[in-house]
Amino acid sequence: MWLLAALGLAVPWYFNTVYFLAGGSVMPDVFWRDAFANALTTGITFDVYLAAVAFSVWVAADHRLGAWRWACIAACFGIGLAFVMPLYLAQRLRMDAARSAG
């Protein structure tokens, strides 16, 4: 899981960096125009954002993680779903293993 989290951070942010170095922006008018530039990017954008919302609802309901769950939700939208989902799953597995052992 940790390797997937590292890849989920490195790979998307490589392309994000390429986008920003080519003049891309997080300003809403530019960012959303680029995110919905064609049918393919529109489909991918909706897929990722809907998955991120579903993941966030799941994490918000997971009271076992305490305040850490809110950091996961913030990281989901601030860093990326591909990074935070394996990180969250690794933490859950770790907690479950500790609970089983003790």
PDB file of N, CA and C in Angstrom:
ATOM      1  N   MET A   1       0.820  -1.200   0.000  1.00  0.00           N
ATOM      2  CA  MET A   1       0.000   0.000   0.000  1.00  0.00           C
ATOM      3  C   MET A   1       0.863   1.263   0.000  1.00  0.00           C
ATOM      4  N   TRP A   2       1.965   1.203   0.747  1.00  0.00           N
ATOM      5  CA  TRP A   2       2.818   2.391   0.821  1.00  0.00           C
ATOM      6  C   TRP A   2       3.421   2.717  -0.543  1.00  0.00           C
ATOM      7  N   LEU A   3       3.784   1.678  -1.292  1.00  0.00           N
ATOM      8  CA  LEU A   3       4.319   1.887  -2.642  1.00  0.00           C
ATOM      9  C   LEU A   3       3.259   2.501  -3.549  1.00  0.00           C
ATOM     10  N   LEU A   4       2.019   2.021  -3.438  1.00  0.00           N
ATOM     11  CA  LEU A   4       0.936   2.606  -4.238  1.00  0.00           C
ATOM     12  C   LEU A   4       0.705   4.063  -3.871  1.00  0.00           C
ATOM     13  N   ALA A   5       0.793   4.387  -2.583  1.00  0.00           N
ATOM     14  CA  ALA A   5       0.644   5.785  -2.157  1.00  0.00           C
ATOM     15  C   ALA A   5       1.758   6.644  -2.747  1.00  0.00           C
ATOM     16  N   ALA A   6       2.986   6.125  -2.715  1.00  0.00           N
ATOM     17  CA  ALA A   6       4.113   6.874  -3.287  1.00  0.00           C
ATOM     18  C   ALA A   6       3.928   7.082  -4.788  1.00  0.00           C
ATOM     19  N   LEU A   7       3.512   6.033  -5.488  1.00  0.00           N
ATOM     20  CA  LEU A   7       3.246   6.170  -6.925  1.00  0.00           C
ATOM     21  C   LEU A   7       2.076   7.111  -7.178  1.00  0.00           C
ATOM     22  N   GLY A   8       1.054   7.026  -6.324  1.00  0.00           N
ATOM     23  CA  GLY A   8      -0.109   7.900  -6.455  1.00  0.00           C
ATOM     24  C   GLY A   8       0.215   9.360  -6.214  1.00  0.00           C
ATOM     25  N   LEU A   9       1.302   9.610  -5.520  1.00  0.00           N
ATOM     26  CA  LEU A   9       1.777  10.978  -5.336  1.00  0.00           C
ATOM     27  C   LEU A   9       2.671  11.397  -6.498  1.00  0.00           C
ATOM     28  N   ALA A  10       3.636  10.556  -6.836  1.00  0.00           N
ATOM     29  CA  ALA A  10       4.652  10.921  -7.828  1.00  0.00           C
ATOM     30  C   ALA A  10       4.116  11.026  -9.249  1.00  0.00           C
ATOM     31  N   VAL A  11       3.352  10.048  -9.692  1.00  0.00           N
ATOM     32  CA  VAL A  11       2.925  10.024 -11.097  1.00  0.00           C
ATOM     33  C   VAL A  11       1.976  11.176 -11.429  1.00  0.00           C
ATOM     34  N   PRO A  12       0.862  11.348 -10.704  1.00  0.00           N
ATOM     35  CA  PRO A  12      -0.016  12.476 -11.051  1.00  0.00           C
ATOM     36  C   PRO A  12       0.670  13.832 -10.905  1.00  0.00           C
ATOM     37  N   TRP A  13       1.510  13.982  -9.858  1.00  0.00           N
ATOM     38  CA  TRP A  13       2.139  15.279  -9.665  1.00  0.00           C
ATOM     39  C   TRP A  13       3.248  15.555 -10.672  1.00  0.00           C
ATOM     40  N   TYR A  14       3.795  14.534 -11.286  1.00  0.00           N
ATOM     41  CA  TYR A  14       4.699  14.762 -12.411  1.00  0.00           C
ATOM     42  C   TYR A  14       3.928  15.482 -13.521  1.00  0.00           C
ATOM     43  N   PHE A  15       2.756  14.951 -13.851  1.00  0.00           N
ATOM     44  CA  PHE A  15       1.954  15.551 -14.918  1.00  0.00           C
ATOM     45  C   PHE A  15       1.379  16.902 -14.498  1.00  0.00           C
ATOM     46  N   ASN A  16       1.044  17.058 -13.223  1.00  0.00           N
ATOM     47  CA  ASN A  16       0.593  18.367 -12.743  1.00  0.00           C
ATOM     48  C   ASN A  16       1.703  19.399 -12.908  1.00  0.00           C
ATOM     49  N   THR A  17       2.928  19.011 -12.585  1.00  0.00           N
ATOM     50  CA  THR A  17       4.069  19.915 -12.734  1.00  0.00           C
ATOM     51  C   THR A  17       4.288  20.281 -14.196  1.00  0.00           C
ATOM     52  N   VAL A  18       4.194  19.307 -15.081  1.00  0.00           N
ATOM     53  CA  VAL A  18       4.309  19.583 -16.518  1.00  0.00           C
ATOM     54  C   VAL A  18       3.233  20.582 -16.938  1.00  0.00           C
ATOM     55  N   TYR A  19       2.006  20.376 -16.466  1.00  0.00           N
ATOM     56  CA  TYR A  19       0.889  21.279 -16.783  1.00  0.00           C
ATOM     57  C   TYR A  19       1.187  22.700 -16.308  1.00  0.00           C
ATOM     58  N   PHE A  20       1.635  22.842 -15.057  1.00  0.00           N
ATOM     59  CA  PHE A  20       1.899  24.177 -14.520  1.00  0.00           C
ATOM     60  C   PHE A  20       3.086  24.841 -15.210  1.00  0.00           C
ATOM     61  N   LEU A  21       4.123  24.083 -15.525  1.00  0.00           N
ATOM     62  CA  LEU A  21       5.281  24.653 -16.219  1.00  0.00           C
ATOM     63  C   LEU A  21       4.942  25.088 -17.641  1.00  0.00           C
ATOM     64  N   ALA A  22       3.900  24.493 -18.220  1.00  0.00           N
ATOM     65  CA  ALA A  22       3.472  24.865 -19.571  1.00  0.00           C
ATOM     66  C   ALA A  22       2.478  26.026 -19.552  1.00  0.00           C
ATOM     67  N   GLY A  23       2.276  26.628 -18.386  1.00  0.00           N
ATOM     68  CA  GLY A  23       1.388  27.785 -18.299  1.00  0.00           C
ATOM     69  C   GLY A  23       0.028  27.486 -17.711  1.00  0.00           C
ATOM     70  N   GLY A  24      -0.182  26.263 -17.229  1.00  0.00           N
ATOM     71  CA  GLY A  24      -1.448  25.913 -16.593  1.00  0.00           C
ATOM     72  C   GLY A  24      -1.624  26.677 -15.291  1.00  0.00           C
ATOM     73  N   SER A  25      -2.824  26.667 -14.791  1.00  0.00           N
ATOM     74  CA  SER A  25      -3.132  27.460 -13.610  1.00  0.00           C
ATOM     75  C   SER A  25      -4.191  26.771 -12.765  1.00  0.00           C
ATOM     76  N   VAL A  26      -4.228  27.127 -11.483  1.00  0.00           N
ATOM     77  CA  VAL A  26      -5.318  26.670 -10.619  1.00  0.00           C
ATOM     78  C   VAL A  26      -6.425  27.715 -10.537  1.00  0.00           C
ATOM     79  N   MET A  27      -6.276  28.789 -11.285  1.00  0.00           N
ATOM     80  CA  MET A  27      -7.359  29.770 -11.351  1.00  0.00           C
ATOM     81  C   MET A  27      -8.570  29.066 -11.960  1.00  0.00           C
ATOM     82  N   PRO A  28      -9.739  29.217 -11.347  1.00  0.00           N
ATOM     83  CA  PRO A  28     -10.900  28.427 -11.774  1.00  0.00           C
ATOM     84  C   PRO A  28     -11.212  28.474 -13.266  1.00  0.00           C
ATOM     85  N   ASP A  29     -11.149  29.648 -13.882  1.00  0.00           N
ATOM     86  CA  ASP A  29     -11.515  29.716 -15.302  1.00  0.00           C
ATOM     87  C   ASP A  29     -10.564  28.894 -16.170  1.00  0.00           C
ATOM     88  N   VAL A  30      -9.272  28.941 -15.887  1.00  0.00           N
ATOM     89  CA  VAL A  30      -8.283  28.190 -16.668  1.00  0.00           C
ATOM     90  C   VAL A  30      -8.335  26.704 -16.315  1.00  0.00           C
ATOM     91  N   PHE A  31      -8.338  26.397 -15.024  1.00  0.00           N
ATOM     92  CA  PHE A  31      -8.305  25.004 -14.582  1.00  0.00           C
ATOM     93  C   PHE A  31      -9.509  24.222 -15.091  1.00  0.00           C
ATOM     94  N   TRP A  32     -10.708  24.756 -14.900  1.00  0.00           N
ATOM     95  CA  TRP A  32     -11.911  24.027 -15.322  1.00  0.00           C
ATOM     96  C   TRP A  32     -12.019  23.961 -16.840  1.00  0.00           C
ATOM     97  N   ARG A  33     -11.565  24.982 -17.532  1.00  0.00           N
ATOM     98  CA  ARG A  33     -11.545  24.924 -18.998  1.00  0.00           C
ATOM     99  C   ARG A  33     -10.666  23.775 -19.462  1.00  0.00           C
ATOM    100  N   ASP A  34      -9.506  23.652 -18.849  1.00  0.00           N
ATOM    101  CA  ASP A  34      -8.585  22.580 -19.233  1.00  0.00           C
ATOM    102  C   ASP A  34      -9.087  21.204 -18.795  1.00  0.00           C
ATOM    103  N   ALA A  35      -9.700  21.134 -17.620  1.00  0.00           N
ATOM    104  CA  ALA A  35     -10.201  19.845 -17.121  1.00  0.00           C
ATOM    105  C   ALA A  35     -11.338  19.307 -17.986  1.00  0.00           C
ATOM    106  N   PHE A  36     -12.093  20.211 -18.608  1.00  0.00           N
ATOM    107  CA  PHE A  36     -13.226  19.814 -19.450  1.00  0.00           C
ATOM    108  C   PHE A  36     -12.968  20.141 -20.923  1.00  0.00           C
ATOM    109  N   ALA A  37     -11.708  20.035 -21.341  1.00  0.00           N
ATOM    110  CA  ALA A  37     -11.310  20.429 -22.695  1.00  0.00           C
ATOM    111  C   ALA A  37     -11.933  19.573 -23.786  1.00  0.00           C
ATOM    112  N   ASN A  38     -12.190  18.305 -23.514  1.00  0.00           N
ATOM    113  CA  ASN A  38     -12.802  17.421 -24.510  1.00  0.00           C
ATOM    114  C   ASN A  38     -13.559  16.320 -23.776  1.00  0.00           C
ATOM    115  N   ALA A  39     -14.189  15.443 -24.527  1.00  0.00           N
ATOM    116  CA  ALA A  39     -15.015  14.396 -23.909  1.00  0.00           C
ATOM    117  C   ALA A  39     -14.182  13.465 -23.025  1.00  0.00           C
ATOM    118  N   LEU A  40     -12.963  13.165 -23.434  1.00  0.00           N
ATOM    119  CA  LEU A  40     -12.117  12.266 -22.649  1.00  0.00           C
ATOM    120  C   LEU A  40     -11.746  12.886 -21.302  1.00  0.00           C
ATOM    121  N   THR A  41     -11.238  14.113 -21.318  1.00  0.00           N
ATOM    122  CA  THR A  41     -10.848  14.746 -20.057  1.00  0.00           C
ATOM    123  C   THR A  41     -12.064  15.022 -19.180  1.00  0.00           C
ATOM    124  N   THR A  42     -13.209  15.301 -19.802  1.00  0.00           N
ATOM    125  CA  THR A  42     -14.439  15.496 -19.029  1.00  0.00           C
ATOM    126  C   THR A  42     -14.821  14.206 -18.310  1.00  0.00           C
ATOM    127  N   GLY A  43     -14.771  13.085 -19.013  1.00  0.00           N
ATOM    128  CA  GLY A  43     -15.089  11.797 -18.398  1.00  0.00           C
ATOM    129  C   GLY A  43     -14.139  11.451 -17.267  1.00  0.00           C
ATOM    130  N   ILE A  44     -12.852  11.667 -17.486  1.00  0.00           N
ATOM    131  CA  ILE A  44     -11.857  11.372 -16.452  1.00  0.00           C
ATOM    132  C   ILE A  44     -12.049  12.300 -15.254  1.00  0.00           C
ATOM    133  N   THR A  45     -12.294  13.575 -15.508  1.00  0.00           N
ATOM    134  CA  THR A  45     -12.508  14.533 -14.426  1.00  0.00           C
ATOM    135  C   THR A  45     -13.703  14.138 -13.578  1.00  0.00           C
ATOM    136  N   PHE A  46     -14.835  13.838 -14.221  1.00  0.00           N
ATOM    137  CA  PHE A  46     -16.013  13.421 -13.458  1.00  0.00           C
ATOM    138  C   PHE A  46     -15.758  12.119 -12.708  1.00  0.00           C
ATOM    139  N   ASP A  47     -15.089  11.169 -13.340  1.00  0.00           N
ATOM    140  CA  ASP A  47     -14.803   9.886 -12.700  1.00  0.00           C
ATOM    141  C   ASP A  47     -13.996  10.090 -11.421  1.00  0.00           C
ATOM    142  N   VAL A  48     -12.933  10.862 -11.505  1.00  0.00           N
ATOM    143  CA  VAL A  48     -12.067  11.073 -10.346  1.00  0.00           C
ATOM    144  C   VAL A  48     -12.781  11.876  -9.263  1.00  0.00           C
ATOM    145  N   TYR A  49     -13.495  12.934  -9.639  1.00  0.00           N
ATOM    146  CA  TYR A  49     -14.165  13.743  -8.623  1.00  0.00           C
ATOM    147  C   TYR A  49     -15.300  12.995  -7.944  1.00  0.00           C
ATOM    148  N   LEU A  50     -16.065  12.210  -8.696  1.00  0.00           N
ATOM    149  CA  LEU A  50     -17.135  11.426  -8.072  1.00  0.00           C
ATOM    150  C   LEU A  50     -16.551  10.341  -7.172  1.00  0.00           C
ATOM    151  N   ALA A  51     -15.459   9.715  -7.590  1.00  0.00           N
ATOM    152  CA  ALA A  51     -14.784   8.732  -6.735  1.00  0.00           C
ATOM    153  C   ALA A  51     -14.244   9.403  -5.471  1.00  0.00           C
ATOM    154  N   ALA A  52     -13.715  10.610  -5.605  1.00  0.00           N
ATOM    155  CA  ALA A  52     -13.197  11.338  -4.446  1.00  0.00           C
ATOM    156  C   ALA A  52     -14.315  11.696  -3.475  1.00  0.00           C
ATOM    157  N   VAL A  53     -15.473  12.074  -3.988  1.00  0.00           N
ATOM    158  CA  VAL A  53     -16.616  12.376  -3.117  1.00  0.00           C
ATOM    159  C   VAL A  53     -17.070  11.110  -2.397  1.00  0.00           C
ATOM    160  N   ALA A  54     -17.189   9.999  -3.121  1.00  0.00           N
ATOM    161  CA  ALA A  54     -17.591   8.731  -2.497  1.00  0.00           C
ATOM    162  C   ALA A  54     -16.578   8.311  -1.433  1.00  0.00           C
ATOM    163  N   PHE A  55     -15.296   8.425  -1.747  1.00  0.00           N
ATOM    164  CA  PHE A  55     -14.248   8.096  -0.782  1.00  0.00           C
ATOM    165  C   PHE A  55     -14.356   8.991   0.450  1.00  0.00           C
ATOM    166  N   SER A  56     -14.598  10.274   0.246  1.00  0.00           N
ATOM    167  CA  SER A  56     -14.692  11.219   1.359  1.00  0.00           C
ATOM    168  C   SER A  56     -15.868  10.908   2.273  1.00  0.00           C
ATOM    169  N   VAL A  57     -16.994  10.521   1.689  1.00  0.00           N
ATOM    170  CA  VAL A  57     -18.155  10.137   2.501  1.00  0.00           C
ATOM    171  C   VAL A  57     -17.809   8.906   3.337  1.00  0.00           C
ATOM    172  N   TRP A  58     -17.157   7.933   2.721  1.00  0.00           N
ATOM    173  CA  TRP A  58     -16.743   6.719   3.432  1.00  0.00           C
ATOM    174  C   TRP A  58     -15.809   7.064   4.595  1.00  0.00           C
ATOM    175  N   VAL A  59     -14.796   7.879   4.324  1.00  0.00           N
ATOM    176  CA  VAL A  59     -13.810   8.234   5.345  1.00  0.00           C
ATOM    177  C   VAL A  59     -14.461   9.053   6.459  1.00  0.00           C
ATOM    178  N   ALA A  60     -15.348   9.967   6.107  1.00  0.00           N
ATOM    179  CA  ALA A  60     -16.022  10.783   7.123  1.00  0.00           C
ATOM    180  C   ALA A  60     -16.823   9.913   8.085  1.00  0.00           C
ATOM    181  N   ALA A  61     -17.349   8.810   7.587  1.00  0.00           N
ATOM    182  CA  ALA A  61     -18.142   7.908   8.430  1.00  0.00           C
ATOM    183  C   ALA A  61     -17.272   6.959   9.250  1.00  0.00           C
ATOM    184  N   ASP A  62     -15.988   6.903   8.973  1.00  0.00           N
ATOM    185  CA  ASP A  62     -15.076   5.994   9.675  1.00  0.00           C
ATOM    186  C   ASP A  62     -14.574   6.662  10.951  1.00  0.00           C
ATOM    187  N   HIS A  63     -15.330   6.541  12.008  1.00  0.00           N
ATOM    188  CA  HIS A  63     -15.007   7.226  13.261  1.00  0.00           C
ATOM    189  C   HIS A  63     -13.798   6.634  13.976  1.00  0.00           C
ATOM    190  N   ARG A  64     -13.370   5.439  13.576  1.00  0.00           N
ATOM    191  CA  ARG A  64     -12.210   4.817  14.224  1.00  0.00           C
ATOM    192  C   ARG A  64     -10.936   5.621  14.005  1.00  0.00           C
ATOM    193  N   LEU A  65     -10.887   6.387  12.940  1.00  0.00           N
ATOM    194  CA  LEU A  65      -9.666   7.132  12.630  1.00  0.00           C
ATOM    195  C   LEU A  65      -9.574   8.467  13.352  1.00  0.00           C
ATOM    196  N   GLY A  66     -10.634   8.870  14.015  1.00  0.00           N
ATOM    197  CA  GLY A  66     -10.614  10.136  14.731  1.00  0.00           C
ATOM    198  C   GLY A  66     -10.407  11.320  13.797  1.00  0.00           C
ATOM    199  N   ALA A  67      -9.637  12.288  14.276  1.00  0.00           N
ATOM    200  CA  ALA A  67      -9.414  13.513  13.498  1.00  0.00           C
ATOM    201  C   ALA A  67      -8.600  13.257  12.233  1.00  0.00           C
ATOM    202  N   TRP A  68      -7.868  12.146  12.192  1.00  0.00           N
ATOM    203  CA  TRP A  68      -7.042  11.826  11.028  1.00  0.00           C
ATOM    204  C   TRP A  68      -7.884  11.708   9.765  1.00  0.00           C
ATOM    205  N   ARG A  69      -9.156  11.329   9.914  1.00  0.00           N
ATOM    206  CA  ARG A  69     -10.024  11.167   8.737  1.00  0.00           C
ATOM    207  C   ARG A  69     -10.213  12.494   8.013  1.00  0.00           C
ATOM    208  N   TRP A  70     -10.268  13.603   8.749  1.00  0.00           N
ATOM    209  CA  TRP A  70     -10.458  14.907   8.102  1.00  0.00           C
ATOM    210  C   TRP A  70      -9.210  15.304   7.323  1.00  0.00           C
ATOM    211  N   ALA A  71      -8.047  14.913   7.803  1.00  0.00           N
ATOM    212  CA  ALA A  71      -6.812  15.152   7.046  1.00  0.00           C
ATOM    213  C   ALA A  71      -6.825  14.352   5.749  1.00  0.00           C
ATOM    214  N   CYS A  72      -7.370  13.140   5.806  1.00  0.00           N
ATOM    215  CA  CYS A  72      -7.480  12.316   4.591  1.00  0.00           C
ATOM    216  C   CYS A  72      -8.379  12.990   3.557  1.00  0.00           C
ATOM    217  N   ILE A  73      -9.491  13.533   4.020  1.00  0.00           N
ATOM    218  CA  ILE A  73     -10.424  14.187   3.097  1.00  0.00           C
ATOM    219  C   ILE A  73      -9.777  15.427   2.487  1.00  0.00           C
ATOM    220  N   ALA A  74      -9.109  16.228   3.302  1.00  0.00           N
ATOM    221  CA  ALA A  74      -8.425  17.418   2.782  1.00  0.00           C
ATOM    222  C   ALA A  74      -7.339  17.024   1.782  1.00  0.00           C
ATOM    223  N   ALA A  75      -6.576  15.982   2.105  1.00  0.00           N
ATOM    224  CA  ALA A  75      -5.517  15.523   1.200  1.00  0.00           C
ATOM    225  C   ALA A  75      -6.089  14.960  -0.092  1.00  0.00           C
ATOM    226  N   CYS A  76      -7.263  14.364  -0.011  1.00  0.00           N
ATOM    227  CA  CYS A  76      -7.904  13.808  -1.207  1.00  0.00           C
ATOM    228  C   CYS A  76      -8.111  14.890  -2.262  1.00  0.00           C
ATOM    229  N   PHE A  77      -8.594  16.044  -1.825  1.00  0.00           N
ATOM    230  CA  PHE A  77      -8.867  17.122  -2.775  1.00  0.00           C
ATOM    231  C   PHE A  77      -7.679  18.061  -2.963  1.00  0.00           C
ATOM    232  N   GLY A  78      -6.753  18.096  -2.010  1.00  0.00           N
ATOM    233  CA  GLY A  78      -5.602  18.979  -2.120  1.00  0.00           C
ATOM    234  C   GLY A  78      -4.381  18.343  -2.759  1.00  0.00           C
ATOM    235  N   ILE A  79      -4.227  17.035  -2.572  1.00  0.00           N
ATOM    236  CA  ILE A  79      -3.071  16.323  -3.128  1.00  0.00           C
ATOM    237  C   ILE A  79      -3.517  15.359  -4.212  1.00  0.00           C
ATOM    238  N   GLY A  80      -4.442  14.477  -3.870  1.00  0.00           N
ATOM    239  CA  GLY A  80      -4.971  13.568  -4.881  1.00  0.00           C
ATOM    240  C   GLY A  80      -5.476  12.261  -4.297  1.00  0.00           C
ATOM    241  N   LEU A  81      -6.517  11.750  -4.912  1.00  0.00           N
ATOM    242  CA  LEU A  81      -7.136  10.494  -4.509  1.00  0.00           C
ATOM    243  C   LEU A  81      -6.172   9.323  -4.658  1.00  0.00           C
ATOM    244  N   ALA A  82      -5.376   9.308  -5.712  1.00  0.00           N
ATOM    245  CA  ALA A  82      -4.446   8.200  -5.960  1.00  0.00           C
ATOM    246  C   ALA A  82      -3.391   8.097  -4.867  1.00  0.00           C
ATOM    247  N   PHE A  83      -3.125   9.186  -4.167  1.00  0.00           N
ATOM    248  CA  PHE A  83      -2.187   9.183  -3.045  1.00  0.00           C
ATOM    249  C   PHE A  83      -2.873   8.799  -1.746  1.00  0.00           C
ATOM    250  N   VAL A  84      -3.978   9.446  -1.448  1.00  0.00           N
ATOM    251  CA  VAL A  84      -4.563   9.301  -0.116  1.00  0.00           C
ATOM    252  C   VAL A  84      -5.340   7.997   0.065  1.00  0.00           C
ATOM    253  N   MET A  85      -5.905   7.447  -0.998  1.00  0.00           N
ATOM    254  CA  MET A  85      -6.669   6.208  -0.820  1.00  0.00           C
ATOM    255  C   MET A  85      -5.779   5.055  -0.349  1.00  0.00           C
ATOM    256  N   PRO A  86      -4.637   4.777  -0.996  1.00  0.00           N
ATOM    257  CA  PRO A  86      -3.794   3.704  -0.457  1.00  0.00           C
ATOM    258  C   PRO A  86      -3.230   4.033   0.927  1.00  0.00           C
ATOM    259  N   LEU A  87      -2.983   5.311   1.196  1.00  0.00           N
ATOM    260  CA  LEU A  87      -2.505   5.719   2.514  1.00  0.00           C
ATOM    261  C   LEU A  87      -3.564   5.415   3.576  1.00  0.00           C
ATOM    262  N   TYR A  88      -4.794   5.753   3.287  1.00  0.00           N
ATOM    263  CA  TYR A  88      -5.919   5.470   4.187  1.00  0.00           C
ATOM    264  C   TYR A  88      -6.070   3.964   4.392  1.00  0.00           C
ATOM    265  N   LEU A  89      -6.026   3.195   3.301  1.00  0.00           N
ATOM    266  CA  LEU A  89      -6.174   1.742   3.410  1.00  0.00           C
ATOM    267  C   LEU A  89      -5.025   1.129   4.209  1.00  0.00           C
ATOM    268  N   ALA A  90      -3.819   1.622   4.029  1.00  0.00           N
ATOM    269  CA  ALA A  90      -2.676   1.129   4.804  1.00  0.00           C
ATOM    270  C   ALA A  90      -2.876   1.411   6.288  1.00  0.00           C
ATOM    271  N   GLN A  91      -3.366   2.589   6.600  1.00  0.00           N
ATOM    272  CA  GLN A  91      -3.623   2.945   8.002  1.00  0.00           C
ATOM    273  C   GLN A  91      -4.707   2.050   8.591  1.00  0.00           C
ATOM    274  N   ARG A  92      -5.763   1.797   7.819  1.00  0.00           N
ATOM    275  CA  ARG A  92      -6.834   0.898   8.285  1.00  0.00           C
ATOM    276  C   ARG A  92      -6.304  -0.503   8.526  1.00  0.00           C
ATOM    277  N   LEU A  93      -5.486  -1.025   7.609  1.00  0.00           N
ATOM    278  CA  LEU A  93      -4.903  -2.353   7.786  1.00  0.00           C
ATOM    279  C   LEU A  93      -4.019  -2.403   9.030  1.00  0.00           C
ATOM    280  N   ARG A  94      -3.260  -1.356   9.237  1.00  0.00           N
ATOM    281  CA  ARG A  94      -2.395  -1.270  10.411  1.00  0.00           C
ATOM    282  C   ARG A  94      -3.207  -1.262  11.700  1.00  0.00           C
ATOM    283  N   MET A  95      -4.291  -0.496  11.708  1.00  0.00           N
ATOM    284  CA  MET A  95      -5.155  -0.444  12.891  1.00  0.00           C
ATOM    285  C   MET A  95      -5.833  -1.790  13.136  1.00  0.00           C
ATOM    286  N   ASP A  96      -6.294  -2.432  12.076  1.00  0.00           N
ATOM    287  CA  ASP A  96      -6.939  -3.740  12.214  1.00  0.00           C
ATOM    288  C   ASP A  96      -5.956  -4.787  12.732  1.00  0.00           C
ATOM    289  N   ALA A  97      -4.715  -4.748  12.248  1.00  0.00           N
ATOM    290  CA  ALA A  97      -3.694  -5.694  12.707  1.00  0.00           C
ATOM    291  C   ALA A  97      -3.373  -5.464  14.182  1.00  0.00           C
ATOM    292  N   ALA A  98      -3.281  -4.201  14.583  1.00  0.00           N
ATOM    293  CA  ALA A  98      -3.004  -3.883  15.986  1.00  0.00           C
ATOM    294  C   ALA A  98      -4.156  -4.334  16.879  1.00  0.00           C
ATOM    295  N   ARG A  99      -5.365  -4.164  16.405  1.00  0.00           N
ATOM    296  CA  ARG A  99      -6.542  -4.572  17.170  1.00  0.00           C
ATOM    297  C   ARG A  99      -6.572  -6.094  17.314  1.00  0.00           C
ATOM    298  N   SER A 100      -6.230  -6.812  16.257  1.00  0.00           N
ATOM    299  CA  SER A 100      -6.219  -8.281  16.287  1.00  0.00           C
ATOM    300  C   SER A 100      -5.117  -8.817  17.201  1.00  0.00           C
ATOM    301  N   ALA A 101      -3.977  -8.131  17.207  1.00  0.00           N
ATOM    302  CA  ALA A 101      -2.837  -8.581  18.010  1.00  0.00           C
ATOM    303  C   ALA A 101      -3.020  -8.276  19.495  1.00  0.00           C
ATOM    304  N   GLY A 102      -3.763  -7.232  19.780  1.00  0.00           N
ATOM    305  CA  GLY A 102      -3.826  -6.814  21.176  1.00  0.00           C
ATOM    306  C   GLY A 102      -5.156  -6.931  21.741  1.00  0.00           C
TER     307      GLY A 102
END
